Amino acid sequence: MDKSKVAVRYFSKSGNTKKLADEIAKTVGRKAEQIPAPIDGKVDILFLGASVYWGGISSEVKKYIQTLDKDKIGKVVVFSTSALAERAFPQIQKKLQDHGLQVESRNFYCRGEFTALHKGRPNRKDLDAAKRFATEMIAGLR
């Protein structure tokens, strides 16, 4: 796989989504960068990570999606965490599709730690699952 064809971007307030981003980036041989880091050149896959905060995705993620160039991104693969709310995928998917981007139908999700809830999550088991997911997503690029 040509590693220059994959990018990893994320937004994380608590550090939960950052843990997933770092594991995915390590798996695909790239550096995880926080949004609003731009996408330089064309990529086959953009791994985009976020979370649900108080029932919605953050305004930072919404703004970032508007900066993405559909002609430079083959497909967006979403990964997310949350402590209380549902996964962020449906909201992110809609925003990406409304912006004209192709979105992978499969996504990765796990619980994230918040105060006393889900202590230690994402844990090693979650990170291993994220690694397997990333490996599956890039398998088609080889």
N, C-alpha and C. Protein backbone atom coordinates (compact mmCIF):
# COMPACT_ATOMS: atom_id res chain seq x y z
N MET A 1 0.84 -1.19 0.00
CA MET A 1 0.00 0.00 0.00
C MET A 1 0.88 1.24 0.00
N ASP A 2 0.51 2.22 -0.80
CA ASP A 2 1.19 3.51 -0.80
C ASP A 2 0.62 4.31 0.36
N LYS A 3 1.43 4.46 1.40
CA LYS A 3 0.95 5.11 2.63
C LYS A 3 0.54 6.55 2.43
N SER A 4 1.00 7.18 1.37
CA SER A 4 0.63 8.58 1.13
C SER A 4 -0.82 8.71 0.71
N LYS A 5 -1.49 7.60 0.48
CA LYS A 5 -2.87 7.64 0.04
C LYS A 5 -3.88 7.52 1.19
N VAL A 6 -3.40 7.60 2.42
CA VAL A 6 -4.26 7.48 3.59
C VAL A 6 -3.95 8.64 4.53
N ALA A 7 -5.01 9.21 5.12
CA ALA A 7 -4.84 10.28 6.11
C ALA A 7 -5.72 9.98 7.31
N VAL A 8 -5.29 10.44 8.49
CA VAL A 8 -6.07 10.26 9.72
C VAL A 8 -6.23 11.63 10.38
N ARG A 9 -7.49 12.04 10.55
CA ARG A 9 -7.81 13.29 11.22
C ARG A 9 -8.84 13.01 12.30
N TYR A 10 -8.79 13.79 13.38
CA TYR A 10 -9.73 13.55 14.48
C TYR A 10 -9.96 14.83 15.27
N PHE A 11 -11.06 14.80 16.04
CA PHE A 11 -11.35 15.84 17.02
C PHE A 11 -11.66 15.12 18.33
N SER A 12 -10.99 15.53 19.42
CA SER A 12 -11.17 14.85 20.69
C SER A 12 -11.04 15.84 21.84
N LYS A 13 -12.10 15.99 22.61
CA LYS A 13 -12.05 16.86 23.79
C LYS A 13 -11.45 16.14 24.99
N SER A 14 -11.77 14.87 25.14
CA SER A 14 -11.37 14.12 26.34
C SER A 14 -10.14 13.25 26.14
N GLY A 15 -9.77 13.02 24.89
CA GLY A 15 -8.64 12.14 24.60
C GLY A 15 -9.07 10.74 24.18
N ASN A 16 -10.35 10.40 24.31
CA ASN A 16 -10.81 9.06 23.93
C ASN A 16 -10.67 8.82 22.43
N THR A 17 -11.14 9.73 21.63
CA THR A 17 -11.06 9.57 20.18
C THR A 17 -9.60 9.67 19.71
N LYS A 18 -8.80 10.46 20.40
CA LYS A 18 -7.37 10.55 20.08
C LYS A 18 -6.70 9.19 20.22
N LYS A 19 -7.06 8.42 21.24
CA LYS A 19 -6.49 7.09 21.42
C LYS A 19 -6.77 6.21 20.20
N LEU A 20 -8.00 6.27 19.72
CA LEU A 20 -8.34 5.49 18.52
C LEU A 20 -7.58 6.00 17.31
N ALA A 21 -7.52 7.32 17.16
CA ALA A 21 -6.82 7.92 16.02
C ALA A 21 -5.36 7.50 16.00
N ASP A 22 -4.72 7.53 17.16
CA ASP A 22 -3.31 7.14 17.23
C ASP A 22 -3.13 5.67 16.85
N GLU A 23 -4.02 4.81 17.29
CA GLU A 23 -3.91 3.38 16.97
C GLU A 23 -4.14 3.14 15.48
N ILE A 24 -5.14 3.80 14.93
CA ILE A 24 -5.42 3.66 13.49
C ILE A 24 -4.25 4.19 12.68
N ALA A 25 -3.73 5.35 13.07
CA ALA A 25 -2.60 5.94 12.35
C ALA A 25 -1.37 5.03 12.39
N LYS A 26 -1.09 4.47 13.55
CA LYS A 26 0.04 3.54 13.68
C LYS A 26 -0.16 2.34 12.76
N THR A 27 -1.37 1.85 12.68
CA THR A 27 -1.69 0.68 11.85
C THR A 27 -1.48 0.97 10.37
N VAL A 28 -1.84 2.17 9.93
CA VAL A 28 -1.74 2.50 8.50
C VAL A 28 -0.44 3.24 8.16
N GLY A 29 0.43 3.42 9.15
CA GLY A 29 1.72 4.04 8.90
C GLY A 29 1.68 5.53 8.65
N ARG A 30 0.74 6.20 9.27
CA ARG A 30 0.60 7.65 9.12
C ARG A 30 0.60 8.29 10.50
N LYS A 31 0.55 9.61 10.51
CA LYS A 31 0.44 10.37 11.75
C LYS A 31 -1.01 10.83 11.90
N ALA A 32 -1.55 10.66 13.08
CA ALA A 32 -2.89 11.18 13.35
C ALA A 32 -2.76 12.67 13.62
N GLU A 33 -3.58 13.46 12.95
CA GLU A 33 -3.54 14.90 13.12
C GLU A 33 -4.91 15.41 13.54
N GLN A 34 -4.88 16.37 14.47
CA GLN A 34 -6.13 16.99 14.91
C GLN A 34 -6.68 17.90 13.82
N ILE A 35 -8.01 17.92 13.72
CA ILE A 35 -8.60 18.89 12.82
C ILE A 35 -8.39 20.26 13.47
N PRO A 36 -8.12 21.25 12.69
CA PRO A 36 -8.38 21.42 11.27
C PRO A 36 -7.19 21.17 10.34
N ALA A 37 -6.28 20.26 10.67
CA ALA A 37 -5.15 19.97 9.77
C ALA A 37 -5.68 19.63 8.38
N PRO A 38 -5.19 20.32 7.36
CA PRO A 38 -5.70 20.09 6.00
C PRO A 38 -5.25 18.75 5.43
N ILE A 39 -5.92 18.33 4.39
CA ILE A 39 -5.52 17.15 3.64
C ILE A 39 -4.65 17.66 2.49
N ASP A 40 -3.40 17.22 2.50
CA ASP A 40 -2.46 17.63 1.45
C ASP A 40 -2.46 16.60 0.34
N GLY A 41 -2.82 17.02 -0.85
CA GLY A 41 -2.86 16.10 -1.98
C GLY A 41 -4.06 15.19 -1.94
N LYS A 42 -4.06 14.21 -2.84
CA LYS A 42 -5.16 13.26 -2.93
C LYS A 42 -4.95 12.10 -1.97
N VAL A 43 -6.04 11.64 -1.38
CA VAL A 43 -6.00 10.44 -0.54
C VAL A 43 -7.11 9.49 -0.96
N ASP A 44 -6.81 8.21 -0.88
CA ASP A 44 -7.83 7.20 -1.16
C ASP A 44 -8.79 7.06 0.01
N ILE A 45 -8.24 7.13 1.22
CA ILE A 45 -9.06 7.00 2.42
C ILE A 45 -8.68 8.09 3.42
N LEU A 46 -9.70 8.74 3.93
CA LEU A 46 -9.55 9.65 5.06
C LEU A 46 -10.26 9.00 6.24
N PHE A 47 -9.50 8.62 7.27
CA PHE A 47 -10.09 8.16 8.52
C PHE A 47 -10.43 9.42 9.31
N LEU A 48 -11.70 9.60 9.66
CA LEU A 48 -12.15 10.79 10.37
C LEU A 48 -12.79 10.37 11.69
N GLY A 49 -12.22 10.87 12.79
CA GLY A 49 -12.70 10.50 14.12
C GLY A 49 -13.33 11.67 14.85
N ALA A 50 -14.42 11.37 15.57
CA ALA A 50 -15.13 12.39 16.34
C ALA A 50 -15.93 11.69 17.42
N SER A 51 -16.70 12.46 18.13
CA SER A 51 -17.55 11.93 19.19
C SER A 51 -18.85 12.71 19.23
N VAL A 52 -19.77 12.22 20.01
CA VAL A 52 -21.03 12.92 20.23
C VAL A 52 -20.91 13.64 21.57
N TYR A 53 -21.17 14.93 21.55
CA TYR A 53 -21.14 15.74 22.76
C TYR A 53 -22.53 16.34 22.95
N TRP A 54 -23.17 15.98 24.03
CA TRP A 54 -24.50 16.50 24.33
C TRP A 54 -25.46 16.33 23.16
N GLY A 55 -25.41 15.15 22.55
CA GLY A 55 -26.37 14.82 21.52
C GLY A 55 -26.02 15.26 20.11
N GLY A 56 -24.85 15.83 19.91
CA GLY A 56 -24.49 16.24 18.55
C GLY A 56 -22.99 16.22 18.35
N ILE A 57 -22.60 16.26 17.09
CA ILE A 57 -21.17 16.36 16.80
C ILE A 57 -20.75 17.81 16.96
N SER A 58 -19.50 18.02 17.26
CA SER A 58 -19.01 19.35 17.57
C SER A 58 -19.04 20.28 16.36
N SER A 59 -19.14 21.55 16.63
CA SER A 59 -19.13 22.55 15.55
C SER A 59 -17.80 22.51 14.81
N GLU A 60 -16.71 22.16 15.51
CA GLU A 60 -15.39 22.06 14.86
C GLU A 60 -15.41 20.99 13.76
N VAL A 61 -16.04 19.86 14.03
CA VAL A 61 -16.13 18.78 13.04
C VAL A 61 -17.01 19.22 11.87
N LYS A 62 -18.12 19.86 12.17
CA LYS A 62 -19.01 20.35 11.11
C LYS A 62 -18.28 21.33 10.20
N LYS A 63 -17.53 22.25 10.80
CA LYS A 63 -16.76 23.22 10.00
C LYS A 63 -15.68 22.53 9.18
N TYR A 64 -15.01 21.56 9.78
CA TYR A 64 -13.94 20.85 9.08
C TYR A 64 -14.48 20.12 7.85
N ILE A 65 -15.61 19.47 8.00
CA ILE A 65 -16.20 18.75 6.87
C ILE A 65 -16.42 19.71 5.69
N GLN A 66 -16.81 20.93 5.97
CA GLN A 66 -17.04 21.92 4.91
C GLN A 66 -15.75 22.31 4.18
N THR A 67 -14.59 22.05 4.79
CA THR A 67 -13.32 22.39 4.14
C THR A 67 -12.79 21.27 3.27
N LEU A 68 -13.39 20.08 3.37
CA LEU A 68 -12.88 18.93 2.63
C LEU A 68 -13.24 19.02 1.16
N ASP A 69 -12.26 18.70 0.31
CA ASP A 69 -12.43 18.75 -1.14
C ASP A 69 -12.79 17.36 -1.65
N LYS A 70 -14.02 17.19 -2.13
CA LYS A 70 -14.49 15.88 -2.58
C LYS A 70 -13.65 15.32 -3.73
N ASP A 71 -12.97 16.19 -4.46
CA ASP A 71 -12.13 15.72 -5.57
C ASP A 71 -10.78 15.20 -5.10
N LYS A 72 -10.44 15.41 -3.83
CA LYS A 72 -9.16 14.95 -3.29
C LYS A 72 -9.29 13.75 -2.36
N ILE A 73 -10.54 13.36 -2.05
CA ILE A 73 -10.75 12.28 -1.08
C ILE A 73 -11.59 11.19 -1.73
N GLY A 74 -11.00 9.99 -1.80
CA GLY A 74 -11.73 8.87 -2.39
C GLY A 74 -12.90 8.44 -1.54
N LYS A 75 -12.63 8.22 -0.24
CA LYS A 75 -13.67 7.73 0.67
C LYS A 75 -13.31 8.16 2.08
N VAL A 76 -14.34 8.46 2.87
CA VAL A 76 -14.15 8.79 4.28
C VAL A 76 -14.60 7.60 5.11
N VAL A 77 -13.74 7.20 6.05
CA VAL A 77 -14.05 6.12 6.98
C VAL A 77 -14.15 6.76 8.36
N VAL A 78 -15.29 6.59 9.01
CA VAL A 78 -15.58 7.26 10.28
C VAL A 78 -15.31 6.32 11.46
N PHE A 79 -14.69 6.89 12.50
CA PHE A 79 -14.55 6.18 13.77
C PHE A 79 -14.96 7.15 14.88
N SER A 80 -15.52 6.60 15.97
CA SER A 80 -16.04 7.49 17.01
C SER A 80 -16.08 6.82 18.37
N THR A 81 -16.22 7.67 19.38
CA THR A 81 -16.42 7.23 20.76
C THR A 81 -17.55 8.06 21.36
N SER A 82 -18.11 7.55 22.45
CA SER A 82 -19.06 8.33 23.25
C SER A 82 -19.24 7.65 24.59
N ALA A 83 -19.66 8.40 25.56
CA ALA A 83 -19.92 7.84 26.88
C ALA A 83 -21.41 7.61 27.10
N LEU A 84 -22.21 8.57 26.69
CA LEU A 84 -23.64 8.50 26.95
C LEU A 84 -24.48 8.37 25.69
N ALA A 85 -24.17 9.20 24.74
CA ALA A 85 -25.01 9.29 23.53
C ALA A 85 -24.70 8.15 22.56
N GLU A 86 -25.50 8.09 21.54
CA GLU A 86 -25.27 7.10 20.49
C GLU A 86 -24.02 7.46 19.70
N ARG A 87 -23.63 6.57 18.86
CA ARG A 87 -22.44 6.81 18.05
C ARG A 87 -22.62 8.02 17.13
N ALA A 88 -21.52 8.62 16.77
CA ALA A 88 -21.53 9.84 15.96
C ALA A 88 -21.74 9.56 14.49
N PHE A 89 -21.63 8.30 14.08
CA PHE A 89 -21.64 7.98 12.65
C PHE A 89 -22.82 8.54 11.87
N PRO A 90 -24.07 8.35 12.30
CA PRO A 90 -25.18 8.84 11.47
C PRO A 90 -25.10 10.34 11.18
N GLN A 91 -24.72 11.12 12.19
CA GLN A 91 -24.64 12.57 12.00
C GLN A 91 -23.47 12.95 11.09
N ILE A 92 -22.32 12.32 11.32
CA ILE A 92 -21.15 12.62 10.49
C ILE A 92 -21.38 12.16 9.06
N GLN A 93 -21.95 10.97 8.90
CA GLN A 93 -22.24 10.44 7.57
C GLN A 93 -23.11 11.42 6.78
N LYS A 94 -24.16 11.91 7.40
CA LYS A 94 -25.06 12.84 6.71
C LYS A 94 -24.33 14.11 6.30
N LYS A 95 -23.54 14.68 7.20
CA LYS A 95 -22.80 15.91 6.88
C LYS A 95 -21.83 15.67 5.72
N LEU A 96 -21.12 14.54 5.76
CA LEU A 96 -20.17 14.23 4.69
C LEU A 96 -20.88 14.02 3.36
N GLN A 97 -21.96 13.27 3.36
CA GLN A 97 -22.70 13.01 2.13
C GLN A 97 -23.33 14.29 1.59
N ASP A 98 -23.84 15.12 2.48
CA ASP A 98 -24.41 16.40 2.04
C ASP A 98 -23.35 17.28 1.38
N HIS A 99 -22.10 17.07 1.76
CA HIS A 99 -20.97 17.82 1.19
C HIS A 99 -20.42 17.14 -0.07
N GLY A 100 -21.03 16.04 -0.48
CA GLY A 100 -20.64 15.36 -1.71
C GLY A 100 -19.52 14.34 -1.57
N LEU A 101 -19.23 13.93 -0.35
CA LEU A 101 -18.16 12.96 -0.12
C LEU A 101 -18.70 11.54 -0.01
N GLN A 102 -17.92 10.58 -0.50
CA GLN A 102 -18.28 9.18 -0.38
C GLN A 102 -17.91 8.71 1.02
N VAL A 103 -18.83 8.00 1.68
CA VAL A 103 -18.62 7.55 3.05
C VAL A 103 -18.72 6.02 3.09
N GLU A 104 -17.72 5.40 3.69
CA GLU A 104 -17.75 3.95 3.89
C GLU A 104 -18.94 3.62 4.79
N SER A 105 -19.70 2.58 4.42
CA SER A 105 -20.89 2.23 5.19
C SER A 105 -20.54 1.60 6.54
N ARG A 106 -19.36 1.00 6.65
CA ARG A 106 -18.92 0.45 7.93
C ARG A 106 -18.17 1.53 8.70
N ASN A 107 -18.33 1.53 10.00
CA ASN A 107 -17.64 2.50 10.84
C ASN A 107 -17.19 1.80 12.11
N PHE A 108 -16.27 2.45 12.83
CA PHE A 108 -15.80 1.88 14.09
C PHE A 108 -16.28 2.74 15.24
N TYR A 109 -16.77 2.07 16.29
CA TYR A 109 -17.29 2.78 17.45
C TYR A 109 -16.94 1.99 18.71
N CYS A 110 -16.59 2.72 19.75
CA CYS A 110 -16.47 2.11 21.08
C CYS A 110 -16.81 3.15 22.14
N ARG A 111 -17.07 2.68 23.33
CA ARG A 111 -17.34 3.57 24.44
C ARG A 111 -16.08 4.32 24.83
N GLY A 112 -16.28 5.52 25.36
CA GLY A 112 -15.17 6.31 25.87
C GLY A 112 -15.42 6.67 27.33
N GLU A 113 -14.36 6.82 28.07
CA GLU A 113 -14.47 7.15 29.49
C GLU A 113 -14.97 8.57 29.67
N PHE A 114 -15.89 8.74 30.61
CA PHE A 114 -16.39 10.06 30.99
C PHE A 114 -16.74 10.01 32.47
N THR A 115 -16.06 10.78 33.27
CA THR A 115 -16.16 10.77 34.73
C THR A 115 -16.10 9.32 35.23
N ALA A 116 -17.17 8.82 35.87
CA ALA A 116 -17.14 7.46 36.41
C ALA A 116 -17.62 6.40 35.42
N LEU A 117 -18.06 6.83 34.27
CA LEU A 117 -18.59 5.89 33.28
C LEU A 117 -17.48 5.32 32.39
N HIS A 118 -17.56 4.04 32.13
CA HIS A 118 -16.69 3.35 31.17
C HIS A 118 -15.21 3.56 31.48
N LYS A 119 -14.83 3.40 32.73
CA LYS A 119 -13.45 3.62 33.17
C LYS A 119 -12.46 2.84 32.29
N GLY A 120 -11.43 3.55 31.88
CA GLY A 120 -10.36 2.93 31.11
C GLY A 120 -10.66 2.71 29.64
N ARG A 121 -11.81 3.14 29.18
CA ARG A 121 -12.17 2.97 27.76
C ARG A 121 -11.75 4.21 26.98
N PRO A 122 -11.31 4.08 25.77
CA PRO A 122 -11.04 2.82 25.10
C PRO A 122 -9.87 2.09 25.74
N ASN A 123 -10.04 0.78 25.87
CA ASN A 123 -9.02 -0.05 26.49
C ASN A 123 -8.25 -0.83 25.42
N ARG A 124 -7.36 -1.72 25.83
CA ARG A 124 -6.55 -2.46 24.86
C ARG A 124 -7.41 -3.26 23.90
N LYS A 125 -8.48 -3.86 24.40
CA LYS A 125 -9.39 -4.62 23.54
C LYS A 125 -10.00 -3.71 22.47
N ASP A 126 -10.42 -2.51 22.87
CA ASP A 126 -10.98 -1.54 21.91
C ASP A 126 -9.94 -1.14 20.86
N LEU A 127 -8.71 -0.89 21.33
CA LEU A 127 -7.65 -0.47 20.41
C LEU A 127 -7.28 -1.58 19.43
N ASP A 128 -7.28 -2.81 19.91
CA ASP A 128 -7.03 -3.94 19.01
C ASP A 128 -8.13 -4.06 17.97
N ALA A 129 -9.36 -3.82 18.38
CA ALA A 129 -10.48 -3.86 17.44
C ALA A 129 -10.36 -2.73 16.42
N ALA A 130 -9.92 -1.55 16.85
CA ALA A 130 -9.71 -0.43 15.93
C ALA A 130 -8.61 -0.76 14.93
N LYS A 131 -7.57 -1.43 15.40
CA LYS A 131 -6.48 -1.85 14.52
C LYS A 131 -6.99 -2.82 13.44
N ARG A 132 -7.78 -3.80 13.86
CA ARG A 132 -8.35 -4.75 12.89
C ARG A 132 -9.24 -4.03 11.88
N PHE A 133 -10.04 -3.10 12.37
CA PHE A 133 -10.93 -2.33 11.49
C PHE A 133 -10.11 -1.56 10.45
N ALA A 134 -9.07 -0.86 10.89
CA ALA A 134 -8.24 -0.09 9.97
C ALA A 134 -7.59 -0.99 8.94
N THR A 135 -7.12 -2.14 9.38
CA THR A 135 -6.50 -3.10 8.47
C THR A 135 -7.49 -3.55 7.40
N GLU A 136 -8.71 -3.83 7.80
CA GLU A 136 -9.76 -4.22 6.85
C GLU A 136 -10.04 -3.09 5.85
N MET A 137 -10.09 -1.88 6.33
CA MET A 137 -10.43 -0.74 5.46
C MET A 137 -9.35 -0.49 4.40
N ILE A 138 -8.10 -0.71 4.75
CA ILE A 138 -7.04 -0.44 3.77
C ILE A 138 -6.69 -1.66 2.92
N ALA A 139 -7.27 -2.81 3.23
CA ALA A 139 -6.96 -4.03 2.49
C ALA A 139 -7.22 -3.87 0.99
N GLY A 140 -8.23 -3.12 0.62
CA GLY A 140 -8.56 -2.91 -0.78
C GLY A 140 -7.58 -2.03 -1.54
N LEU A 141 -6.70 -1.35 -0.82
CA LEU A 141 -5.72 -0.46 -1.47
C LEU A 141 -4.47 -1.21 -1.91
N ARG A 142 -4.31 -2.43 -1.46
CA ARG A 142 -3.10 -3.18 -1.77
C ARG A 142 -3.15 -3.79 -3.14
